[in-house]
N, C-alpha and C. Protein backbone atom coordinates (compact mmCIF):
# COMPACT_ATOMS: atom_id res chain seq x y z
N THR A 1 2.45 1.63 26.57
CA THR A 1 3.09 0.43 26.93
C THR A 1 3.85 -0.61 25.79
N ALA A 2 4.42 -1.31 25.00
CA ALA A 2 4.81 -2.14 23.97
C ALA A 2 4.20 -2.88 24.08
N THR A 3 4.02 -3.97 22.81
CA THR A 3 3.11 -5.30 22.92
C THR A 3 4.03 -6.09 22.46
N PRO A 4 4.07 -7.29 23.03
CA PRO A 4 5.20 -7.84 22.66
C PRO A 4 5.08 -8.31 22.10
N VAL A 5 6.00 -9.15 21.07
CA VAL A 5 5.82 -10.03 19.61
C VAL A 5 4.68 -11.21 20.18
N ARG A 6 3.94 -11.50 18.94
CA ARG A 6 3.04 -12.47 19.17
C ARG A 6 3.18 -13.36 18.13
N ASN A 7 3.26 -14.57 18.14
CA ASN A 7 3.58 -16.07 16.83
C ASN A 7 2.41 -16.17 16.67
N LYS A 8 2.16 -16.39 15.98
CA LYS A 8 0.32 -17.88 15.29
C LYS A 8 1.29 -18.63 14.40
N SER A 9 1.08 -19.87 14.78
CA SER A 9 1.05 -21.45 14.56
C SER A 9 0.20 -22.26 14.06
N THR A 10 0.44 -22.76 13.39
CA THR A 10 -0.92 -23.76 12.48
C THR A 10 -0.38 -24.66 12.60
N PHE A 11 -0.90 -26.06 13.28
CA PHE A 11 0.31 -27.11 12.66
C PHE A 11 -1.35 -27.98 11.33
N VAL A 12 -0.84 -28.28 10.21
CA VAL A 12 -1.45 -28.84 9.19
C VAL A 12 -0.64 -30.53 9.58
N GLY A 13 -1.59 -31.90 9.45
CA GLY A 13 -1.04 -32.72 9.62
C GLY A 13 -1.58 -33.47 8.67
N ASN A 14 -1.10 -34.78 8.40
CA ASN A 14 -1.11 -35.61 6.97
C ASN A 14 -2.03 -35.45 6.41
N ASP A 15 -3.36 -35.29 6.90
CA ASP A 15 -5.34 -35.44 6.11
C ASP A 15 -5.71 -34.47 5.76
N GLY A 16 -4.45 -33.13 5.56
CA GLY A 16 -4.81 -31.58 5.66
C GLY A 16 -5.67 -30.85 5.88
N ILE A 17 -5.76 -31.48 7.78
CA ILE A 17 -6.76 -30.50 8.60
C ILE A 17 -6.03 -29.89 9.55
N ASP A 18 -5.85 -28.35 9.75
CA ASP A 18 -5.55 -28.05 10.26
C ASP A 18 -6.20 -28.03 12.42
N ASP A 19 -4.43 -28.45 12.86
CA ASP A 19 -4.43 -28.58 13.58
C ASP A 19 -4.25 -28.06 15.00
N THR A 20 -4.59 -27.67 16.33
CA THR A 20 -3.76 -26.89 17.13
C THR A 20 -3.02 -27.35 18.08
N ALA A 21 -3.36 -28.90 17.69
CA ALA A 21 -2.94 -29.34 19.41
C ALA A 21 -1.29 -29.86 19.43
N ALA A 22 -0.73 -30.91 20.08
CA ALA A 22 0.21 -31.15 20.13
C ALA A 22 1.51 -31.60 18.87
N ILE A 23 2.35 -30.49 18.72
CA ILE A 23 3.28 -31.49 16.94
C ILE A 23 4.04 -32.56 17.31
N THR A 24 3.70 -33.39 15.86
CA THR A 24 3.97 -34.39 16.27
C THR A 24 4.52 -35.46 15.53
N ASP A 25 5.25 -36.57 15.57
CA ASP A 25 6.26 -36.65 13.94
C ASP A 25 5.40 -36.69 12.94
N ASN A 26 4.29 -36.89 12.51
CA ASN A 26 3.47 -36.83 11.47
C ASN A 26 3.05 -36.15 10.81
N CYS A 27 3.44 -34.63 11.49
CA CYS A 27 2.77 -33.16 11.35
C CYS A 27 3.96 -32.28 10.56
N SER A 28 3.41 -31.46 9.71
CA SER A 28 4.18 -30.97 9.35
C SER A 28 4.64 -29.34 10.17
N TYR A 29 4.85 -28.11 10.90
CA TYR A 29 4.42 -27.01 11.42
C TYR A 29 5.41 -26.48 10.86
N THR A 30 4.42 -25.43 10.35
CA THR A 30 4.22 -24.01 9.71
C THR A 30 4.35 -22.77 10.55
N GLN A 31 5.02 -21.49 10.90
CA GLN A 31 4.68 -20.68 11.78
C GLN A 31 4.89 -19.63 10.77
N THR A 32 4.04 -18.52 11.48
CA THR A 32 4.06 -16.70 10.66
C THR A 32 4.65 -16.19 11.81
N LEU A 33 4.96 -14.20 11.67
CA LEU A 33 5.68 -13.79 12.59
C LEU A 33 4.44 -12.73 12.50
N LEU A 34 3.48 -12.05 13.48
CA LEU A 34 3.01 -10.97 13.27
C LEU A 34 3.35 -9.88 14.80
N TRP A 35 4.28 -8.76 14.67
CA TRP A 35 4.67 -7.59 15.46
C TRP A 35 3.89 -6.78 15.46
N VAL A 36 2.87 -6.50 16.51
CA VAL A 36 2.76 -5.06 16.67
C VAL A 36 2.97 -4.05 17.74
N HIS A 37 3.30 -3.12 17.30
CA HIS A 37 3.96 -2.54 18.42
C HIS A 37 2.93 -0.50 18.75
N GLN A 38 2.65 0.05 19.52
CA GLN A 38 1.85 1.14 19.33
C GLN A 38 1.94 1.41 21.22
N THR A 39 2.38 2.64 21.82
CA THR A 39 2.04 2.89 22.73
C THR A 39 1.40 3.97 23.27
N GLU A 40 1.07 3.99 24.23
CA GLU A 40 -0.18 5.05 24.25
C GLU A 40 -0.16 6.32 23.85
N TRP A 41 0.90 6.91 23.81
CA TRP A 41 1.13 8.27 23.52
C TRP A 41 0.30 8.20 21.73
N GLN A 42 0.98 7.47 21.30
CA GLN A 42 0.85 6.71 19.82
C GLN A 42 -1.21 6.34 19.79
N ARG A 43 -1.25 6.17 20.74
CA ARG A 43 -2.87 5.57 20.84
C ARG A 43 -3.71 7.11 20.50
N GLU A 44 -2.51 7.83 21.74
CA GLU A 44 -3.63 9.24 22.02
C GLU A 44 -3.66 9.97 20.80
N LEU A 45 -1.90 10.16 20.09
CA LEU A 45 -2.18 10.46 18.79
C LEU A 45 -3.04 10.38 17.12
N LEU A 46 -3.22 8.68 17.54
CA LEU A 46 -4.06 8.95 16.11
C LEU A 46 -5.39 8.68 16.32
N LYS A 47 -5.82 8.89 17.91
CA LYS A 47 -6.90 9.19 17.95
C LYS A 47 -7.24 10.50 18.11
N ARG A 48 -6.38 11.30 17.81
CA ARG A 48 -7.01 13.10 18.17
C ARG A 48 -6.78 13.05 15.99
N TYR A 49 -5.49 12.59 15.57
CA TYR A 49 -6.08 13.45 14.37
C TYR A 49 -6.29 12.10 12.80
N GLY A 50 -7.14 10.64 13.63
CA GLY A 50 -5.89 9.36 11.98
C GLY A 50 -7.94 9.23 11.59
N ASN A 51 -8.79 10.25 12.05
CA ASN A 51 -10.08 9.78 11.55
C ASN A 51 -10.10 10.32 10.17
N THR A 52 -8.94 11.84 9.96
CA THR A 52 -9.20 11.92 8.78
C THR A 52 -9.02 11.77 7.33
N ILE A 53 -7.55 11.06 7.36
CA ILE A 53 -6.35 10.45 6.74
C ILE A 53 -5.81 9.81 7.39
N SER A 54 -5.42 8.70 7.52
CA SER A 54 -4.09 7.88 7.83
C SER A 54 -3.28 7.20 6.54
N LEU A 55 -2.09 7.32 7.16
CA LEU A 55 -1.32 6.34 6.18
C LEU A 55 -0.56 5.17 6.46
N ILE A 56 -0.04 3.94 5.37
CA ILE A 56 0.26 2.70 5.85
C ILE A 56 1.87 2.91 4.89
N ASP A 57 3.13 2.99 5.46
CA ASP A 57 4.21 3.41 4.99
C ASP A 57 4.79 2.05 5.06
N ALA A 58 5.58 1.02 3.68
CA ALA A 58 6.15 -0.12 4.01
C ALA A 58 7.58 0.25 3.86
N THR A 59 8.49 -0.21 5.04
CA THR A 59 10.23 0.44 4.85
C THR A 59 10.83 -0.84 4.10
N TYR A 60 11.66 -0.93 3.58
CA TYR A 60 12.87 -1.95 2.74
C TYR A 60 13.79 -1.92 3.34
N LYS A 61 14.70 -2.84 3.15
CA LYS A 61 16.39 -2.62 3.70
C LYS A 61 16.24 -2.10 4.75
N THR A 62 15.29 -2.22 5.38
CA THR A 62 16.63 -1.04 6.60
C THR A 62 16.64 -2.09 8.14
N THR A 63 16.41 -3.62 7.92
CA THR A 63 16.98 -3.92 8.52
C THR A 63 18.10 -5.34 8.33
N ARG A 64 18.48 -5.89 8.94
CA ARG A 64 19.20 -7.10 9.26
C ARG A 64 18.19 -8.50 8.65
N TYR A 65 16.94 -8.63 9.04
CA TYR A 65 16.03 -9.37 8.33
C TYR A 65 15.02 -9.39 7.50
N ASP A 66 14.67 -10.64 6.61
CA ASP A 66 13.51 -9.97 5.79
C ASP A 66 12.57 -10.58 6.22
N LEU A 67 12.21 -9.23 7.05
CA LEU A 67 10.54 -9.30 7.34
C LEU A 67 10.85 -7.92 6.69
N ALA A 68 9.13 -7.54 6.54
CA ALA A 68 8.57 -6.74 6.04
C ALA A 68 8.08 -5.74 7.11
N LEU A 69 8.50 -4.34 7.19
CA LEU A 69 8.23 -3.45 8.04
C LEU A 69 7.10 -2.12 8.12
N PHE A 70 6.24 -2.00 8.37
CA PHE A 70 5.48 -1.57 8.18
C PHE A 70 5.59 -0.04 9.70
N PHE A 71 4.79 0.92 8.57
CA PHE A 71 4.80 2.15 9.43
C PHE A 71 3.18 2.98 9.68
N ILE A 72 2.51 2.73 10.13
CA ILE A 72 0.78 3.72 10.30
C ILE A 72 0.98 5.05 11.35
N CYS A 73 0.50 6.21 9.93
CA CYS A 73 1.64 7.74 9.91
C CYS A 73 -0.15 8.78 10.48
N VAL A 74 -0.23 9.93 10.57
CA VAL A 74 -1.03 10.78 10.63
C VAL A 74 -0.06 11.61 10.38
N ARG A 75 -0.87 12.89 9.93
CA ARG A 75 -0.58 14.34 9.89
C ARG A 75 -1.39 15.06 10.78
N THR A 76 0.44 15.45 12.20
CA THR A 76 -0.74 16.19 13.58
C THR A 76 -0.77 18.04 13.01
N ASN A 77 -0.53 18.53 14.22
CA ASN A 77 -0.15 19.83 13.81
C ASN A 77 0.79 20.26 13.90
N VAL A 78 2.11 19.30 13.93
CA VAL A 78 3.28 19.85 13.55
C VAL A 78 4.07 19.30 12.60
N GLY A 79 3.86 18.28 11.97
CA GLY A 79 3.70 17.19 11.26
C GLY A 79 3.27 16.25 11.04
N TYR A 80 4.17 15.34 10.26
CA TYR A 80 3.39 13.73 10.25
C TYR A 80 4.04 13.47 11.68
N SER A 81 3.70 11.77 11.58
CA SER A 81 3.63 11.39 13.13
C SER A 81 3.61 9.54 12.82
N VAL A 82 4.34 8.65 13.47
CA VAL A 82 4.27 7.33 13.25
C VAL A 82 3.15 7.40 14.52
N VAL A 83 2.30 6.33 14.54
CA VAL A 83 0.93 6.45 15.34
C VAL A 83 1.25 4.70 15.67
N ALA A 84 1.71 3.72 15.10
CA ALA A 84 1.93 2.14 15.10
C ALA A 84 3.26 1.88 14.03
N GLU A 85 3.54 -0.03 14.09
CA GLU A 85 4.38 -0.29 13.89
C GLU A 85 4.37 -1.50 13.51
N PHE A 86 4.40 -1.95 12.71
CA PHE A 86 3.50 -4.00 12.94
C PHE A 86 4.65 -4.79 11.42
N VAL A 87 5.25 -5.88 11.78
CA VAL A 87 6.15 -6.45 11.38
C VAL A 87 5.42 -7.55 11.04
N VAL A 88 5.46 -7.66 9.93
CA VAL A 88 5.13 -9.94 9.43
C VAL A 88 6.06 -9.95 8.21
N GLN A 89 5.76 -11.25 7.85
CA GLN A 89 7.03 -12.05 7.77
C GLN A 89 6.77 -11.88 6.66
N SER A 90 5.64 -12.06 5.75
CA SER A 90 5.95 -12.42 4.18
C SER A 90 4.75 -10.76 3.84
N GLU A 91 5.28 -9.85 3.02
CA GLU A 91 3.83 -8.89 2.48
C GLU A 91 2.48 -9.16 1.86
N ASN A 92 1.99 -10.15 2.45
CA ASN A 92 0.99 -10.04 1.09
C ASN A 92 -0.17 -9.79 2.22
N THR A 93 -1.65 -9.87 1.38
CA THR A 93 -3.10 -9.22 2.07
C THR A 93 -3.52 -9.81 3.26
N GLU A 94 -3.62 -10.97 3.30
CA GLU A 94 -3.47 -11.92 4.78
C GLU A 94 -3.02 -11.28 5.90
N ASN A 95 -1.71 -11.11 5.81
CA ASN A 95 -0.98 -10.53 6.99
C ASN A 95 -1.05 -8.88 7.31
N ILE A 96 -0.89 -8.37 6.31
CA ILE A 96 -1.37 -7.17 6.67
C ILE A 96 -2.54 -7.01 7.47
N GLN A 97 -3.50 -7.59 6.74
CA GLN A 97 -4.92 -7.69 7.14
C GLN A 97 -5.49 -7.61 8.62
N GLU A 98 -4.68 -8.78 9.34
CA GLU A 98 -4.63 -9.19 10.51
C GLU A 98 -4.06 -7.93 11.54
N ALA A 99 -2.35 -7.38 10.75
CA ALA A 99 -2.31 -6.95 11.39
C ALA A 99 -2.91 -5.58 11.58
N LEU A 100 -3.75 -4.73 10.95
CA LEU A 100 -4.70 -3.24 10.84
C LEU A 100 -5.42 -3.80 11.70
N THR A 101 -6.20 -5.20 11.66
CA THR A 101 -7.34 -5.58 12.24
C THR A 101 -6.83 -5.48 13.81
N VAL A 102 -5.19 -5.99 14.63
CA VAL A 102 -5.23 -5.91 15.46
C VAL A 102 -5.51 -4.45 16.21
N LEU A 103 -5.23 -3.55 15.17
CA LEU A 103 -4.87 -2.08 15.42
C LEU A 103 -6.46 -1.89 15.49
N LYS A 104 -6.89 -2.14 14.47
CA LYS A 104 -8.50 -1.55 14.68
C LYS A 104 -9.22 -1.52 15.98
N GLN A 105 -8.59 -3.51 16.31
CA GLN A 105 -9.39 -3.25 17.21
C GLN A 105 -9.02 -2.98 19.74
N TRP A 106 -7.55 -2.60 19.16
CA TRP A 106 -6.82 -1.50 20.43
C TRP A 106 -7.77 0.41 19.96
N ASN A 107 -7.93 0.66 19.22
CA ASN A 107 -8.77 1.83 18.52
C ASN A 107 -10.15 1.67 18.11
N THR A 108 -10.98 0.98 19.26
CA THR A 108 -12.47 1.02 18.25
C THR A 108 -12.95 2.45 17.33
N ASP A 109 -12.59 3.34 17.95
CA ASP A 109 -12.72 4.43 17.05
C ASP A 109 -12.21 4.82 15.87
N TRP A 110 -11.04 4.69 15.64
CA TRP A 110 -10.57 4.96 14.51
C TRP A 110 -11.43 4.39 12.64
N ASN A 111 -11.24 4.95 11.74
CA ASN A 111 -12.09 5.17 11.28
C ASN A 111 -11.65 6.01 10.17
N PRO A 112 -10.83 5.97 9.83
CA PRO A 112 -10.66 7.23 8.62
C PRO A 112 -11.10 7.29 7.26
N GLN A 113 -11.16 8.91 6.97
CA GLN A 113 -11.93 8.85 5.97
C GLN A 113 -11.26 8.36 4.20
N TYR A 114 -10.08 8.76 4.87
CA TYR A 114 -9.50 8.38 3.41
C TYR A 114 -7.97 7.57 4.02
N PHE A 115 -7.34 6.95 3.41
CA PHE A 115 -5.87 6.67 3.42
C PHE A 115 -5.17 6.59 2.61
N MET A 116 -4.15 6.59 2.99
CA MET A 116 -3.01 6.74 1.65
C MET A 116 -2.06 5.54 1.93
N SER A 117 -1.37 5.13 0.62
CA SER A 117 -0.74 3.52 0.44
C SER A 117 0.63 4.12 -0.87
N ASP A 118 1.28 3.04 -0.43
CA ASP A 118 1.82 2.70 -2.16
C ASP A 118 1.28 2.44 -3.35
N TYR A 119 1.40 1.88 -4.13
CA TYR A 119 1.07 1.18 -5.50
C TYR A 119 1.60 -0.38 -4.64
N SER A 120 0.70 -1.15 -3.39
CA SER A 120 0.55 -2.30 -3.67
C SER A 120 -0.35 -2.79 -3.03
N GLU A 121 -0.77 -3.77 -4.46
CA GLU A 121 -2.20 -4.37 -4.10
C GLU A 121 -2.50 -4.83 -2.52
N ALA A 122 -1.15 -5.75 -1.90
CA ALA A 122 -1.90 -6.60 -0.73
C ALA A 122 -2.03 -5.14 -0.06
N GLU A 123 -1.46 -4.24 0.20
CA GLU A 123 -1.51 -3.45 1.04
C GLU A 123 -3.36 -2.71 0.86
N LEU A 124 -3.23 -2.11 -0.46
CA LEU A 124 -4.70 -1.80 -0.33
C LEU A 124 -5.86 -2.29 -1.06
N SER A 125 -6.14 -3.56 -0.65
CA SER A 125 -6.64 -4.98 -0.56
C SER A 125 -6.76 -5.22 0.70
N ALA A 126 -5.77 -4.98 1.52
CA ALA A 126 -5.77 -5.22 2.96
C ALA A 126 -6.79 -3.59 4.12
N VAL A 127 -5.86 -3.11 3.79
CA VAL A 127 -7.00 -1.66 4.07
C VAL A 127 -8.38 -1.22 3.98
N GLU A 128 -9.09 -1.73 2.25
CA GLU A 128 -10.01 -1.59 2.13
C GLU A 128 -11.02 -3.45 2.78
N ALA A 129 -10.26 -3.91 3.21
CA ALA A 129 -11.11 -4.87 3.76
C ALA A 129 -11.02 -4.89 5.28
N VAL A 130 -10.42 -3.90 5.86
CA VAL A 130 -10.58 -3.58 7.69
C VAL A 130 -11.58 -2.51 7.42
N PHE A 131 -11.34 -1.70 6.80
CA PHE A 131 -12.41 -0.36 6.87
C PHE A 131 -13.00 0.02 5.54
N PRO A 132 -14.02 -0.66 5.01
CA PRO A 132 -14.35 -0.57 3.86
C PRO A 132 -15.67 0.26 3.41
N SER A 133 -15.66 1.47 4.05
CA SER A 133 -16.05 2.62 3.70
C SER A 133 -14.86 3.21 3.75
N THR A 134 -13.93 3.72 4.12
CA THR A 134 -12.82 4.16 3.40
C THR A 134 -11.73 4.47 2.29
N LYS A 135 -12.31 5.91 1.52
CA LYS A 135 -11.53 6.12 0.51
C LYS A 135 -9.95 5.83 0.16
N VAL A 136 -9.08 4.63 -0.34
CA VAL A 136 -7.76 4.50 -0.43
C VAL A 136 -7.38 5.86 -1.54
N TYR A 137 -5.80 6.19 -1.38
CA TYR A 137 -5.56 7.12 -2.39
C TYR A 137 -4.18 6.38 -2.46
N LEU A 138 -3.69 6.94 -3.96
CA LEU A 138 -2.54 6.63 -3.53
C LEU A 138 -1.39 7.61 -3.25
N CYS A 139 -0.12 7.18 -2.83
CA CYS A 139 0.80 8.21 -1.95
C CYS A 139 1.48 8.78 -3.46
N ASP A 140 1.19 10.06 -3.43
CA ASP A 140 1.61 10.79 -4.55
C ASP A 140 3.59 10.56 -4.57
N PHE A 141 4.29 10.86 -4.14
CA PHE A 141 5.58 11.02 -3.23
C PHE A 141 6.05 9.47 -3.93
N HIS A 142 5.53 8.36 -3.23
CA HIS A 142 5.34 6.65 -3.87
C HIS A 142 4.70 6.83 -5.68
N ARG A 143 4.15 7.26 -5.37
CA ARG A 143 3.61 7.27 -6.90
C ARG A 143 5.06 8.04 -7.89
N GLU A 144 5.80 9.40 -7.83
CA GLU A 144 6.35 9.78 -8.34
C GLU A 144 7.74 9.12 -8.64
N GLN A 145 7.88 8.41 -7.45
CA GLN A 145 9.40 7.48 -7.15
C GLN A 145 9.43 6.74 -8.36
N ALA A 146 7.78 5.68 -8.31
CA ALA A 146 8.36 4.80 -8.53
C ALA A 146 7.95 4.94 -10.68
N TRP A 147 6.64 6.16 -10.78
CA TRP A 147 7.49 6.60 -12.43
C TRP A 147 8.66 7.47 -12.77
N VAL A 148 9.50 7.58 -12.11
CA VAL A 148 11.04 8.74 -12.44
C VAL A 148 11.90 7.10 -12.66
N ARG A 149 11.75 6.11 -11.38
CA ARG A 149 12.80 4.60 -11.42
C ARG A 149 12.67 3.97 -12.63
N TRP A 150 11.56 4.11 -12.93
CA TRP A 150 10.87 3.88 -14.31
C TRP A 150 11.31 3.71 -15.37
N THR A 151 11.22 5.04 -15.80
CA THR A 151 11.36 6.06 -17.15
C THR A 151 12.51 5.88 -16.88
N ARG A 152 13.45 5.88 -16.02
CA ARG A 152 14.64 6.79 -16.50
C ARG A 152 15.87 5.18 -16.23
N ASP A 153 14.94 4.00 -16.17
CA ASP A 153 15.28 2.58 -16.13
C ASP A 153 16.07 2.64 -17.49
N HIS A 154 16.89 2.53 -18.09
CA HIS A 154 17.52 2.04 -19.41
C HIS A 154 16.36 0.99 -20.25
N LYS A 155 16.93 -0.44 -19.54
CA LYS A 155 15.75 -1.55 -19.95
C LYS A 155 14.63 -0.82 -20.77
N HIS A 156 14.07 -0.06 -20.21
CA HIS A 156 13.09 0.11 -20.49
C HIS A 156 12.92 1.30 -22.69
N GLY A 157 14.00 1.65 -22.87
CA GLY A 157 14.40 2.22 -24.16
C GLY A 157 14.09 3.02 -24.06
N LEU A 158 13.45 3.96 -23.23
CA LEU A 158 13.40 5.62 -23.21
C LEU A 158 14.51 6.76 -23.27
N SER A 159 14.15 7.60 -23.94
CA SER A 159 15.80 8.55 -23.97
C SER A 159 15.00 9.57 -22.98
N PRO A 160 16.49 10.00 -22.52
CA PRO A 160 15.57 10.77 -21.80
C PRO A 160 14.94 12.02 -21.98
N VAL A 161 14.33 12.58 -23.22
CA VAL A 161 13.29 12.85 -23.64
C VAL A 161 12.42 12.36 -23.46
N GLU A 162 12.76 11.42 -24.11
CA GLU A 162 11.18 10.84 -24.02
C GLU A 162 10.50 10.89 -22.54
N ALA A 163 11.43 9.93 -21.55
CA ALA A 163 11.12 10.16 -19.81
C ALA A 163 10.38 11.40 -19.62
N GLU A 164 10.99 11.94 -19.54
CA GLU A 164 10.48 13.32 -19.47
C GLU A 164 8.87 13.49 -20.51
N GLU A 165 8.91 13.25 -21.54
CA GLU A 165 7.98 14.34 -21.83
C GLU A 165 6.78 12.66 -21.06
N LEU A 166 7.20 11.39 -21.08
CA LEU A 166 6.10 10.97 -20.82
C LEU A 166 6.01 11.17 -19.20
N LEU A 167 6.73 11.66 -18.30
CA LEU A 167 6.61 11.57 -17.19
C LEU A 167 5.40 13.53 -16.90
N ASP A 168 5.65 13.72 -18.06
CA ASP A 168 4.19 14.87 -17.51
C ASP A 168 3.34 14.43 -18.10
N LEU A 169 3.34 13.70 -19.35
CA LEU A 169 1.76 13.23 -19.81
C LEU A 169 1.06 12.31 -18.11
N LEU A 170 2.24 11.26 -17.62
CA LEU A 170 1.48 10.87 -16.74
C LEU A 170 0.87 11.93 -15.18
N ARG A 171 2.11 13.22 -15.27
CA ARG A 171 1.58 13.69 -14.05
C ARG A 171 0.01 14.87 -14.31
N ALA A 172 -0.17 14.86 -15.62
CA ALA A 172 -1.34 15.88 -16.37
C ALA A 172 -2.64 14.51 -15.56
N CYS A 173 -2.69 13.41 -15.90
CA CYS A 173 -3.59 12.62 -15.52
C CYS A 173 -3.51 12.99 -14.09
N ALA A 174 -1.98 12.40 -13.24
CA ALA A 174 -2.58 12.83 -12.24
C ALA A 174 -3.44 13.51 -11.20
N TRP A 175 -2.82 14.89 -11.91
CA TRP A 175 -3.49 15.58 -11.18
C TRP A 175 -4.37 16.42 -12.06
N ALA A 176 -4.94 15.68 -12.40
CA ALA A 176 -6.49 16.08 -12.87
C ALA A 176 -7.06 16.16 -11.95
N PRO A 177 -8.75 16.96 -11.54
CA PRO A 177 -9.49 17.27 -10.66
C PRO A 177 -9.26 15.41 -10.43
N PRO A 178 -10.55 15.21 -9.09
CA PRO A 178 -10.74 13.98 -9.16
C PRO A 178 -12.44 14.29 -8.76
N VAL A 179 -13.85 13.23 -9.40
CA VAL A 179 -14.84 13.28 -9.20
C VAL A 179 -15.21 12.15 -8.40
N ASP A 180 -16.21 12.68 -7.80
CA ASP A 180 -16.87 11.96 -6.27
C ASP A 180 -17.67 10.42 -7.53
N GLY A 181 -17.19 9.21 -6.72
CA GLY A 181 -17.51 7.79 -7.70
C GLY A 181 -16.80 7.07 -8.28
N ALA A 182 -16.73 6.64 -9.23
CA ALA A 182 -15.85 5.54 -10.33
C ALA A 182 -15.48 6.69 -11.29
N ASP A 183 -15.87 7.54 -11.15
CA ASP A 183 -16.15 7.92 -12.58
C ASP A 183 -15.07 8.91 -12.77
N PRO A 184 -13.92 8.69 -13.30
CA PRO A 184 -12.45 9.44 -13.12
C PRO A 184 -12.65 10.84 -13.55
N GLY A 185 -13.09 11.22 -14.14
CA GLY A 185 -13.32 13.21 -14.68
C GLY A 185 -13.21 13.06 -16.24
N LEU A 186 -13.94 14.48 -16.31
CA LEU A 186 -13.37 14.30 -17.91
C LEU A 186 -12.02 15.34 -18.34
N GLN A 187 -11.31 15.81 -17.58
CA GLN A 187 -10.02 15.80 -17.25
C GLN A 187 -9.32 15.10 -17.62
N TYR A 188 -9.43 14.03 -16.43
CA TYR A 188 -8.35 12.92 -16.50
C TYR A 188 -8.89 12.13 -17.85
N ARG A 189 -9.44 11.60 -18.29
CA ARG A 189 -10.37 10.98 -19.70
C ARG A 189 -9.35 11.87 -21.55
N ALA A 190 -9.46 13.46 -21.12
CA ALA A 190 -8.76 14.29 -21.72
C ALA A 190 -6.75 13.99 -21.53
N ALA A 191 -6.59 13.39 -20.25
CA ALA A 191 -5.12 13.60 -20.24
C ALA A 191 -4.47 12.28 -20.52
N ALA A 192 -5.62 11.22 -20.77
CA ALA A 192 -5.43 9.84 -20.29
C ALA A 192 -5.36 10.24 -22.01
N SER A 193 -6.14 10.34 -23.13
CA SER A 193 -6.18 10.93 -24.12
C SER A 193 -5.11 10.78 -25.02
N HIS A 194 -4.65 12.84 -24.50
CA HIS A 194 -3.39 12.58 -24.61
C HIS A 194 -2.35 11.82 -24.17
N LEU A 195 -1.88 11.34 -23.92
CA LEU A 195 -1.09 10.29 -23.25
C LEU A 195 -0.97 8.93 -23.98
N LYS A 196 -2.32 8.84 -24.41
CA LYS A 196 -2.20 7.47 -25.51
C LYS A 196 -1.78 7.67 -27.26
N ASN A 197 -1.72 9.18 -27.34
CA ASN A 197 -1.78 10.28 -28.51
C ASN A 197 -0.13 10.22 -29.06
N SER A 198 0.14 10.28 -27.66
CA SER A 198 2.10 10.69 -27.67
C SER A 198 2.61 9.33 -28.44
N SER A 199 3.79 10.08 -29.04
CA SER A 199 4.64 9.27 -29.69
C SER A 199 5.45 8.42 -29.01
N THR A 200 5.81 8.75 -27.38
CA THR A 200 6.19 7.59 -26.57
C THR A 200 5.75 6.24 -26.49
N TRP A 201 3.60 6.57 -26.35
CA TRP A 201 3.49 5.68 -26.34
C TRP A 201 2.99 4.55 -27.49
N LYS A 202 2.63 5.56 -28.63
CA LYS A 202 2.94 4.26 -29.65
C LYS A 202 4.41 3.88 -30.31
N ASN A 203 4.94 4.30 -29.89
CA ASN A 203 6.03 3.58 -30.05
C ASN A 203 6.80 2.69 -29.43
N HIS A 204 6.69 2.64 -28.15
CA HIS A 204 7.19 1.34 -26.93
C HIS A 204 6.26 0.54 -26.39
N LEU A 205 5.91 -0.34 -26.57
CA LEU A 205 4.99 -1.51 -26.67
C LEU A 205 5.24 -1.47 -25.07
N ALA A 206 6.48 -1.18 -24.20
CA ALA A 206 6.41 -1.93 -23.25
C ALA A 206 5.98 -0.69 -22.01
N VAL A 207 5.59 0.42 -22.65
CA VAL A 207 5.30 1.98 -22.06
C VAL A 207 3.44 1.49 -22.01
N ARG A 208 3.46 0.86 -23.05
CA ARG A 208 1.72 0.57 -23.03
C ARG A 208 1.50 -0.34 -22.18
N GLU A 209 2.37 -1.26 -22.18
CA GLU A 209 2.36 -2.39 -21.39
C GLU A 209 1.74 -2.03 -19.52
N TRP A 210 3.00 -1.13 -19.66
CA TRP A 210 3.35 -0.58 -18.04
C TRP A 210 2.33 0.02 -17.66
N LEU A 211 1.65 0.90 -18.42
CA LEU A 211 0.84 1.97 -18.06
C LEU A 211 -0.62 1.46 -18.14
N THR A 212 -1.27 0.44 -18.84
CA THR A 212 -2.35 -0.30 -19.10
C THR A 212 -2.43 -1.56 -17.98
N ASN A 213 -1.54 -2.07 -17.71
CA ASN A 213 -2.13 -2.89 -17.03
C ASN A 213 -1.82 -2.54 -15.52
N LYS A 214 -0.85 -1.69 -15.35
CA LYS A 214 -0.98 -1.02 -14.15
C LYS A 214 -1.28 0.32 -13.56
N TRP A 215 -0.86 1.28 -14.15
CA TRP A 215 -1.39 2.51 -13.66
C TRP A 215 -2.46 3.60 -14.50
N LEU A 216 -2.77 3.15 -15.75
CA LEU A 216 -3.99 3.67 -15.86
C LEU A 216 -5.51 2.41 -15.56
N SER A 217 -5.19 1.72 -15.06
CA SER A 217 -6.03 0.70 -14.52
C SER A 217 -6.20 0.67 -13.16
N ILE A 218 -6.20 1.92 -12.59
CA ILE A 218 -7.03 2.36 -11.43
C ILE A 218 -6.81 4.15 -10.96
N PRO A 219 -7.67 4.72 -12.25
CA PRO A 219 -7.98 5.94 -12.11
C PRO A 219 -7.98 6.37 -10.97
N ILE A 220 -8.72 5.80 -9.86
CA ILE A 220 -9.98 6.89 -9.51
C ILE A 220 -8.87 6.70 -7.98
N ARG A 221 -7.97 5.92 -7.83
CA ARG A 221 -7.21 6.05 -7.01
C ARG A 221 -5.88 7.34 -6.61
N ARG A 222 -5.95 7.81 -7.96
CA ARG A 222 -4.47 8.74 -8.35
C ARG A 222 -5.14 9.93 -6.71
């Protein structure tokens, strides 16, 4: 069965204190939208397949409305299936966490060993808050997509040869065997060192800033 739209409303009076009473002329009104949907069939799929690995995937520019649409997916015996959907008014940690909490309340046995996400701090933080014992990793597809788009964007000043070289170096970092705990492993450190010794790294400040501030800051999520 479908779950109806739910609106949460907060009324903030002139004294700055939250008030759930009726709106009056001296109050400002703020409203955020949260819509969570899951059918019985989806719930059964999540129960059967969701405790090994679950995925969260945000879609962009797929509706006429400026709202963030998310899918929760699992891998079944016949491929990947969507097992829940939710819409939040803004894509931040608080809203995503609330939606995941609703789904967790509906599916009390849902506690995946692994969760996969794209590189979104809001998504990563929300998943870890709701599932503190779950290991959260980055999706290979979204990571590769982000790398290709950045390296081939002319504003970053890379030649086609440099772009391909950088992609190869990044893939070597990503494909290094993981190590349990916070240690990224010897092969990862060697690959990262090779990257930092490359001419592309040394000759492009934009490359160094992008990788240092983003991708190289999260080696355990690769």
